Amino acid sequence: MKRFFLVVSLLITFLITSCATQLKHIPGYEITVAIDFTKYTDADFLITPHEYSGIYESIGLITTIVMPEANLETNEAGFVSESNVWKISDLNISEVINNIYGKAVQMGADAIVDFKIIENTDTYNSILPVAVTGYLISGYAIKRLDDSKLK
């Protein structure tokens, strides 16, 4: 009986490894990301990755982490196998920036300085592991003041 299980185990291992595709080529690629802030500039709102050298009031720090949803597509019987794939929904970075802008305006800010966008990846180890990538966006909300308001 032990020999039977050993033979079956070896056969299953052979079948799994022989069916796996081997990575032989990784193509090169280029990614360009452009985020248009003119909508906010037109509303007299400043978003900058730099410090603000003018006079301002501190309003607060804003940080948001946005992660897309992921769904495993299984076969008709509902079983998970190597042929299944994870479908990860798209994230719209403009919507995320609109949310952080709206929160800053609610707080009374008219600028976000030290603005940063960083990729955030969560890895889930399940039968079919997946890495889901989203964004961590942060900044310092301020209210810009001109010299005439201080006198």
N, C-alpha and C. Protein backbone atom coordinates (compact mmCIF):
# COMPACT_ATOMS: atom_id res chain seq x y z
N MET A 1 0.82 -1.19 0.00
CA MET A 1 0.00 0.00 0.00
C MET A 1 0.87 1.26 0.00
N LYS A 2 1.97 1.22 0.77
CA LYS A 2 2.87 2.37 0.79
C LYS A 2 3.46 2.61 -0.60
N ARG A 3 3.79 1.51 -1.25
CA ARG A 3 4.37 1.63 -2.59
C ARG A 3 3.35 2.26 -3.56
N PHE A 4 2.08 1.90 -3.41
CA PHE A 4 1.02 2.45 -4.26
C PHE A 4 0.96 3.97 -4.09
N PHE A 5 0.95 4.45 -2.84
CA PHE A 5 0.89 5.89 -2.58
C PHE A 5 2.14 6.60 -3.08
N LEU A 6 3.28 5.95 -2.97
CA LEU A 6 4.52 6.53 -3.48
C LEU A 6 4.46 6.67 -4.99
N VAL A 7 3.98 5.64 -5.68
CA VAL A 7 3.87 5.68 -7.14
C VAL A 7 2.87 6.75 -7.55
N VAL A 8 1.73 6.82 -6.88
CA VAL A 8 0.71 7.83 -7.20
C VAL A 8 1.26 9.24 -6.95
N SER A 9 1.96 9.42 -5.84
CA SER A 9 2.55 10.73 -5.53
C SER A 9 3.56 11.14 -6.58
N LEU A 10 4.40 10.22 -7.00
CA LEU A 10 5.39 10.52 -8.03
C LEU A 10 4.71 10.82 -9.37
N LEU A 11 3.67 10.09 -9.68
CA LEU A 11 2.94 10.32 -10.93
C LEU A 11 2.27 11.69 -10.93
N ILE A 12 1.66 12.07 -9.83
CA ILE A 12 1.02 13.38 -9.73
C ILE A 12 2.07 14.48 -9.84
N THR A 13 3.20 14.32 -9.15
CA THR A 13 4.27 15.31 -9.22
C THR A 13 4.79 15.45 -10.65
N PHE A 14 4.96 14.33 -11.34
CA PHE A 14 5.42 14.35 -12.72
C PHE A 14 4.43 15.07 -13.61
N LEU A 15 3.14 14.77 -13.46
CA LEU A 15 2.12 15.42 -14.28
C LEU A 15 2.06 16.92 -14.05
N ILE A 16 2.15 17.34 -12.81
CA ILE A 16 2.09 18.77 -12.50
C ILE A 16 3.30 19.50 -13.06
N THR A 17 4.49 18.94 -12.87
CA THR A 17 5.70 19.62 -13.35
C THR A 17 5.83 19.57 -14.86
N SER A 18 5.33 18.52 -15.50
CA SER A 18 5.44 18.44 -16.96
C SER A 18 4.44 19.36 -17.65
N CYS A 19 3.34 19.69 -16.99
CA CYS A 19 2.34 20.57 -17.58
C CYS A 19 2.66 22.05 -17.38
N ALA A 20 3.55 22.33 -16.46
CA ALA A 20 3.87 23.73 -16.17
C ALA A 20 4.68 24.32 -17.31
N THR A 21 4.33 25.54 -17.68
CA THR A 21 5.10 26.21 -18.72
C THR A 21 6.32 26.86 -18.09
N GLN A 22 7.41 26.83 -18.81
CA GLN A 22 8.64 27.40 -18.31
C GLN A 22 8.82 28.79 -18.90
N LEU A 23 9.19 29.73 -18.05
CA LEU A 23 9.44 31.10 -18.49
C LEU A 23 10.74 31.12 -19.28
N LYS A 24 10.64 31.59 -20.53
CA LYS A 24 11.82 31.62 -21.38
C LYS A 24 12.16 33.01 -21.88
N HIS A 25 11.22 33.92 -21.75
CA HIS A 25 11.46 35.27 -22.26
C HIS A 25 10.63 36.27 -21.46
N ILE A 26 11.25 37.36 -21.09
CA ILE A 26 10.55 38.47 -20.44
C ILE A 26 10.74 39.67 -21.35
N PRO A 27 9.66 40.15 -21.98
CA PRO A 27 9.81 41.27 -22.91
C PRO A 27 10.07 42.57 -22.17
N GLY A 28 10.75 43.49 -22.83
CA GLY A 28 10.95 44.82 -22.28
C GLY A 28 9.67 45.62 -22.40
N TYR A 29 9.55 46.66 -21.61
CA TYR A 29 8.38 47.52 -21.71
C TYR A 29 8.71 48.92 -21.20
N GLU A 30 7.85 49.85 -21.52
CA GLU A 30 7.97 51.23 -21.07
C GLU A 30 6.63 51.67 -20.52
N ILE A 31 6.65 52.35 -19.39
CA ILE A 31 5.42 52.87 -18.80
C ILE A 31 5.60 54.37 -18.60
N THR A 32 4.64 55.13 -19.07
CA THR A 32 4.63 56.57 -18.85
C THR A 32 3.34 56.92 -18.12
N VAL A 33 3.48 57.66 -17.03
CA VAL A 33 2.31 58.08 -16.27
C VAL A 33 2.28 59.60 -16.27
N ALA A 34 1.16 60.16 -16.67
CA ALA A 34 0.98 61.61 -16.64
C ALA A 34 -0.31 61.91 -15.89
N ILE A 35 -0.22 62.75 -14.89
CA ILE A 35 -1.39 63.14 -14.11
C ILE A 35 -1.61 64.62 -14.31
N ASP A 36 -2.77 64.98 -14.78
CA ASP A 36 -3.10 66.36 -15.12
C ASP A 36 -3.75 67.06 -13.92
N PHE A 37 -3.08 68.08 -13.38
CA PHE A 37 -3.60 68.84 -12.24
C PHE A 37 -4.28 70.14 -12.65
N THR A 38 -4.46 70.40 -13.95
CA THR A 38 -5.02 71.69 -14.37
C THR A 38 -6.43 71.91 -13.82
N LYS A 39 -7.20 70.86 -13.66
CA LYS A 39 -8.54 70.98 -13.07
C LYS A 39 -8.47 71.62 -11.68
N TYR A 40 -7.47 71.25 -10.92
CA TYR A 40 -7.31 71.77 -9.56
C TYR A 40 -6.70 73.17 -9.59
N THR A 41 -5.76 73.38 -10.49
CA THR A 41 -5.16 74.71 -10.65
C THR A 41 -6.22 75.72 -11.05
N ASP A 42 -7.12 75.33 -11.96
CA ASP A 42 -8.20 76.21 -12.37
C ASP A 42 -9.12 76.58 -11.21
N ALA A 43 -9.19 75.70 -10.20
CA ALA A 43 -9.99 75.97 -9.00
C ALA A 43 -9.15 76.65 -7.92
N ASP A 44 -7.97 77.18 -8.31
CA ASP A 44 -7.04 77.86 -7.41
C ASP A 44 -6.57 76.94 -6.27
N PHE A 45 -6.41 75.66 -6.59
CA PHE A 45 -5.94 74.68 -5.63
C PHE A 45 -4.57 74.20 -6.11
N LEU A 46 -3.61 74.15 -5.19
CA LEU A 46 -2.24 73.75 -5.53
C LEU A 46 -1.97 72.32 -5.07
N ILE A 47 -1.45 71.50 -5.98
CA ILE A 47 -0.95 70.17 -5.62
C ILE A 47 0.49 70.13 -6.12
N THR A 48 1.42 69.89 -5.20
CA THR A 48 2.83 69.89 -5.56
C THR A 48 3.60 68.87 -4.72
N PRO A 49 4.61 68.25 -5.32
CA PRO A 49 5.46 67.36 -4.54
C PRO A 49 6.52 68.13 -3.75
N HIS A 50 6.53 69.44 -3.90
CA HIS A 50 7.53 70.27 -3.24
C HIS A 50 6.95 70.99 -2.02
N GLU A 51 7.84 71.57 -1.24
CA GLU A 51 7.39 72.40 -0.12
C GLU A 51 6.82 73.70 -0.66
N TYR A 52 5.99 74.35 0.15
CA TYR A 52 5.43 75.64 -0.22
C TYR A 52 6.22 76.71 0.53
N SER A 53 6.81 77.66 -0.20
CA SER A 53 7.68 78.64 0.44
C SER A 53 6.92 79.88 0.92
N GLY A 54 5.66 79.98 0.57
CA GLY A 54 4.87 81.13 1.02
C GLY A 54 4.37 80.94 2.45
N ILE A 55 3.56 81.88 2.87
CA ILE A 55 2.97 81.83 4.21
C ILE A 55 1.71 80.97 4.14
N TYR A 56 1.54 80.10 5.15
CA TYR A 56 0.38 79.21 5.13
C TYR A 56 -0.02 78.82 6.54
N GLU A 57 -1.25 78.31 6.65
CA GLU A 57 -1.73 77.69 7.88
C GLU A 57 -1.70 76.18 7.69
N SER A 58 -1.29 75.47 8.71
CA SER A 58 -1.32 74.02 8.66
C SER A 58 -2.77 73.55 8.79
N ILE A 59 -3.19 72.66 7.93
CA ILE A 59 -4.54 72.11 8.02
C ILE A 59 -4.47 70.66 8.50
N GLY A 60 -3.71 69.82 7.85
CA GLY A 60 -3.60 68.44 8.31
C GLY A 60 -2.90 67.54 7.31
N LEU A 61 -2.63 66.34 7.74
CA LEU A 61 -2.02 65.34 6.88
C LEU A 61 -3.12 64.46 6.28
N ILE A 62 -2.95 64.09 5.04
CA ILE A 62 -3.91 63.23 4.36
C ILE A 62 -3.15 62.05 3.77
N THR A 63 -3.64 60.85 4.06
CA THR A 63 -3.08 59.64 3.47
C THR A 63 -4.23 58.74 3.10
N THR A 64 -4.16 58.16 1.93
CA THR A 64 -5.16 57.19 1.52
C THR A 64 -4.46 56.04 0.82
N ILE A 65 -4.97 54.84 1.08
CA ILE A 65 -4.49 53.65 0.38
C ILE A 65 -5.68 53.11 -0.39
N VAL A 66 -5.49 52.92 -1.67
CA VAL A 66 -6.56 52.42 -2.53
C VAL A 66 -6.07 51.16 -3.21
N MET A 67 -6.82 50.09 -3.02
CA MET A 67 -6.47 48.80 -3.61
C MET A 67 -7.63 48.31 -4.47
N PRO A 68 -7.32 47.74 -5.63
CA PRO A 68 -8.39 47.21 -6.48
C PRO A 68 -8.91 45.89 -5.94
N GLU A 69 -10.10 45.53 -6.38
CA GLU A 69 -10.64 44.23 -6.02
C GLU A 69 -10.10 43.19 -6.98
N ALA A 70 -10.02 41.95 -6.51
CA ALA A 70 -9.53 40.85 -7.35
C ALA A 70 -10.47 39.66 -7.17
N ASN A 71 -10.80 39.02 -8.27
CA ASN A 71 -11.68 37.85 -8.25
C ASN A 71 -11.04 36.71 -9.02
N LEU A 72 -11.05 35.54 -8.40
CA LEU A 72 -10.50 34.36 -9.04
C LEU A 72 -11.57 33.75 -9.93
N GLU A 73 -11.25 33.59 -11.20
CA GLU A 73 -12.18 32.96 -12.12
C GLU A 73 -11.90 31.46 -12.12
N THR A 74 -12.88 30.69 -11.71
CA THR A 74 -12.73 29.24 -11.62
C THR A 74 -13.38 28.58 -12.83
N ASN A 75 -13.14 27.28 -12.97
CA ASN A 75 -13.76 26.55 -14.08
C ASN A 75 -15.23 26.31 -13.79
N GLU A 76 -15.93 25.67 -14.73
CA GLU A 76 -17.37 25.47 -14.61
C GLU A 76 -17.76 24.74 -13.33
N ALA A 77 -16.93 23.81 -12.89
CA ALA A 77 -17.24 23.02 -11.70
C ALA A 77 -16.92 23.79 -10.41
N GLY A 78 -16.28 24.96 -10.54
CA GLY A 78 -15.95 25.75 -9.36
C GLY A 78 -14.63 25.38 -8.71
N PHE A 79 -13.86 24.51 -9.37
CA PHE A 79 -12.59 24.08 -8.80
C PHE A 79 -11.47 25.03 -9.23
N VAL A 80 -10.47 25.16 -8.38
CA VAL A 80 -9.32 26.00 -8.68
C VAL A 80 -8.21 25.12 -9.25
N SER A 81 -7.65 25.55 -10.37
CA SER A 81 -6.52 24.83 -10.97
C SER A 81 -5.54 25.86 -11.51
N GLU A 82 -4.42 25.38 -12.04
CA GLU A 82 -3.39 26.28 -12.57
C GLU A 82 -3.88 27.07 -13.78
N SER A 83 -4.96 26.61 -14.42
CA SER A 83 -5.47 27.32 -15.60
C SER A 83 -6.36 28.50 -15.21
N ASN A 84 -6.72 28.60 -13.94
CA ASN A 84 -7.53 29.73 -13.49
C ASN A 84 -6.69 31.00 -13.45
N VAL A 85 -7.35 32.14 -13.56
CA VAL A 85 -6.65 33.42 -13.50
C VAL A 85 -7.36 34.37 -12.56
N TRP A 86 -6.59 35.27 -11.99
CA TRP A 86 -7.13 36.33 -11.17
C TRP A 86 -7.48 37.50 -12.09
N LYS A 87 -8.66 38.04 -11.95
CA LYS A 87 -9.07 39.24 -12.66
C LYS A 87 -9.01 40.39 -11.65
N ILE A 88 -8.10 41.32 -11.88
CA ILE A 88 -7.91 42.45 -10.97
C ILE A 88 -8.51 43.68 -11.62
N SER A 89 -9.41 44.34 -10.90
CA SER A 89 -10.08 45.51 -11.47
C SER A 89 -9.09 46.67 -11.63
N ASP A 90 -9.40 47.56 -12.56
CA ASP A 90 -8.55 48.72 -12.81
C ASP A 90 -8.81 49.79 -11.76
N LEU A 91 -7.76 50.54 -11.47
CA LEU A 91 -7.90 51.71 -10.59
C LEU A 91 -7.79 52.95 -11.44
N ASN A 92 -8.67 53.91 -11.20
CA ASN A 92 -8.63 55.18 -11.90
C ASN A 92 -7.94 56.19 -10.98
N ILE A 93 -6.69 56.53 -11.29
CA ILE A 93 -5.91 57.43 -10.43
C ILE A 93 -6.57 58.80 -10.31
N SER A 94 -7.27 59.24 -11.36
CA SER A 94 -7.96 60.54 -11.30
C SER A 94 -9.05 60.55 -10.24
N GLU A 95 -9.77 59.43 -10.10
CA GLU A 95 -10.80 59.34 -9.06
C GLU A 95 -10.18 59.39 -7.67
N VAL A 96 -9.03 58.73 -7.52
CA VAL A 96 -8.35 58.72 -6.22
C VAL A 96 -7.89 60.14 -5.87
N ILE A 97 -7.34 60.86 -6.84
CA ILE A 97 -6.90 62.24 -6.59
C ILE A 97 -8.11 63.13 -6.30
N ASN A 98 -9.23 62.93 -7.00
CA ASN A 98 -10.45 63.69 -6.70
C ASN A 98 -10.88 63.47 -5.25
N ASN A 99 -10.78 62.24 -4.76
CA ASN A 99 -11.17 61.95 -3.38
C ASN A 99 -10.27 62.67 -2.37
N ILE A 100 -8.97 62.65 -2.61
CA ILE A 100 -8.06 63.31 -1.67
C ILE A 100 -8.21 64.83 -1.76
N TYR A 101 -8.47 65.34 -2.95
CA TYR A 101 -8.74 66.77 -3.15
C TYR A 101 -10.01 67.17 -2.39
N GLY A 102 -11.07 66.39 -2.54
CA GLY A 102 -12.33 66.68 -1.84
C GLY A 102 -12.16 66.69 -0.34
N LYS A 103 -11.39 65.75 0.19
CA LYS A 103 -11.15 65.70 1.63
C LYS A 103 -10.36 66.93 2.09
N ALA A 104 -9.37 67.35 1.31
CA ALA A 104 -8.58 68.53 1.66
C ALA A 104 -9.45 69.79 1.66
N VAL A 105 -10.32 69.92 0.66
CA VAL A 105 -11.22 71.09 0.61
C VAL A 105 -12.18 71.07 1.80
N GLN A 106 -12.72 69.91 2.16
CA GLN A 106 -13.59 69.79 3.34
C GLN A 106 -12.88 70.25 4.61
N MET A 107 -11.59 70.00 4.67
CA MET A 107 -10.81 70.40 5.85
C MET A 107 -10.47 71.89 5.84
N GLY A 108 -10.73 72.57 4.72
CA GLY A 108 -10.43 73.99 4.62
C GLY A 108 -9.12 74.30 3.92
N ALA A 109 -8.53 73.33 3.28
CA ALA A 109 -7.24 73.54 2.60
C ALA A 109 -7.45 74.06 1.18
N ASP A 110 -6.44 74.75 0.69
CA ASP A 110 -6.44 75.14 -0.71
C ASP A 110 -5.15 74.68 -1.40
N ALA A 111 -4.46 73.73 -0.76
CA ALA A 111 -3.24 73.18 -1.33
C ALA A 111 -2.89 71.86 -0.64
N ILE A 112 -2.25 71.00 -1.40
CA ILE A 112 -1.64 69.79 -0.85
C ILE A 112 -0.18 69.83 -1.28
N VAL A 113 0.71 69.91 -0.32
CA VAL A 113 2.14 69.94 -0.61
C VAL A 113 2.76 68.61 -0.15
N ASP A 114 4.00 68.40 -0.53
CA ASP A 114 4.68 67.12 -0.26
C ASP A 114 3.83 65.95 -0.77
N PHE A 115 3.19 66.15 -1.90
CA PHE A 115 2.30 65.17 -2.51
C PHE A 115 3.10 63.98 -3.02
N LYS A 116 2.69 62.77 -2.64
CA LYS A 116 3.40 61.57 -3.05
C LYS A 116 2.41 60.49 -3.49
N ILE A 117 2.78 59.78 -4.54
CA ILE A 117 2.05 58.59 -4.97
C ILE A 117 3.06 57.44 -4.98
N ILE A 118 2.75 56.41 -4.20
CA ILE A 118 3.64 55.26 -4.08
C ILE A 118 2.82 54.00 -4.38
N GLU A 119 3.38 53.10 -5.17
CA GLU A 119 2.70 51.83 -5.39
C GLU A 119 2.68 51.03 -4.11
N ASN A 120 1.57 50.37 -3.85
CA ASN A 120 1.38 49.53 -2.67
C ASN A 120 0.95 48.15 -3.15
N THR A 121 1.72 47.12 -2.81
CA THR A 121 1.39 45.77 -3.26
C THR A 121 1.10 44.87 -2.07
N ASP A 122 -0.05 44.20 -2.14
CA ASP A 122 -0.41 43.18 -1.15
C ASP A 122 -0.34 41.83 -1.85
N THR A 123 0.30 40.86 -1.20
CA THR A 123 0.40 39.52 -1.76
C THR A 123 -0.48 38.58 -0.95
N TYR A 124 -1.28 37.80 -1.65
CA TYR A 124 -2.19 36.86 -1.01
C TYR A 124 -1.77 35.46 -1.41
N ASN A 125 -1.43 34.65 -0.41
CA ASN A 125 -1.02 33.27 -0.66
C ASN A 125 -2.22 32.36 -0.46
N SER A 126 -2.73 31.86 -1.55
CA SER A 126 -3.83 30.92 -1.51
C SER A 126 -3.47 29.77 -2.44
N ILE A 127 -4.45 29.02 -2.86
CA ILE A 127 -4.17 27.92 -3.79
C ILE A 127 -3.49 28.47 -5.04
N LEU A 128 -3.95 29.63 -5.49
CA LEU A 128 -3.34 30.32 -6.63
C LEU A 128 -2.93 31.71 -6.14
N PRO A 129 -1.66 31.88 -5.74
CA PRO A 129 -1.22 33.16 -5.16
C PRO A 129 -1.40 34.33 -6.14
N VAL A 130 -1.59 35.52 -5.57
CA VAL A 130 -1.76 36.71 -6.40
C VAL A 130 -1.16 37.91 -5.67
N ALA A 131 -0.59 38.82 -6.44
CA ALA A 131 -0.10 40.10 -5.92
C ALA A 131 -1.01 41.19 -6.51
N VAL A 132 -1.60 41.99 -5.64
CA VAL A 132 -2.51 43.06 -6.06
C VAL A 132 -1.82 44.39 -5.78
N THR A 133 -1.76 45.24 -6.79
CA THR A 133 -1.07 46.52 -6.66
C THR A 133 -2.05 47.67 -6.72
N GLY A 134 -1.92 48.56 -5.75
CA GLY A 134 -2.72 49.78 -5.68
C GLY A 134 -1.80 50.95 -5.39
N TYR A 135 -2.36 51.97 -4.75
CA TYR A 135 -1.58 53.18 -4.49
C TYR A 135 -1.74 53.66 -3.06
N LEU A 136 -0.65 54.20 -2.53
CA LEU A 136 -0.67 54.96 -1.29
C LEU A 136 -0.40 56.40 -1.70
N ILE A 137 -1.34 57.28 -1.39
CA ILE A 137 -1.20 58.69 -1.76
C ILE A 137 -1.23 59.50 -0.47
N SER A 138 -0.27 60.42 -0.37
CA SER A 138 -0.22 61.22 0.85
C SER A 138 0.20 62.65 0.53
N GLY A 139 -0.10 63.52 1.46
CA GLY A 139 0.28 64.92 1.31
C GLY A 139 -0.03 65.71 2.56
N TYR A 140 0.40 66.94 2.56
CA TYR A 140 0.23 67.86 3.69
C TYR A 140 -0.74 68.94 3.22
N ALA A 141 -1.93 68.96 3.80
CA ALA A 141 -2.95 69.94 3.41
C ALA A 141 -2.68 71.26 4.13
N ILE A 142 -2.65 72.35 3.34
CA ILE A 142 -2.40 73.67 3.92
C ILE A 142 -3.40 74.68 3.36
N LYS A 143 -3.50 75.82 4.03
CA LYS A 143 -4.26 76.98 3.55
C LYS A 143 -3.24 78.06 3.29
N ARG A 144 -3.10 78.43 2.01
CA ARG A 144 -2.12 79.46 1.65
C ARG A 144 -2.65 80.83 2.08
N LEU A 145 -1.76 81.64 2.60
CA LEU A 145 -2.11 82.98 3.04
C LEU A 145 -1.25 83.98 2.29
N ASP A 146 -1.83 85.11 1.91
CA ASP A 146 -0.97 86.15 1.35
C ASP A 146 -0.66 87.14 2.46
N ASP A 147 0.33 87.98 2.24
CA ASP A 147 0.81 88.90 3.27
C ASP A 147 -0.28 89.86 3.76
N SER A 148 -1.24 90.23 2.91
CA SER A 148 -2.26 91.18 3.31
C SER A 148 -3.19 90.61 4.37
N LYS A 149 -3.36 89.30 4.45
CA LYS A 149 -4.23 88.67 5.44
C LYS A 149 -3.59 88.66 6.82
N LEU A 150 -2.28 88.84 6.88
CA LEU A 150 -1.58 88.77 8.16
C LEU A 150 -1.52 90.12 8.87
N LYS A 151 -1.83 91.22 8.20
CA LYS A 151 -1.68 92.55 8.82
C LYS A 151 -2.93 93.00 9.50
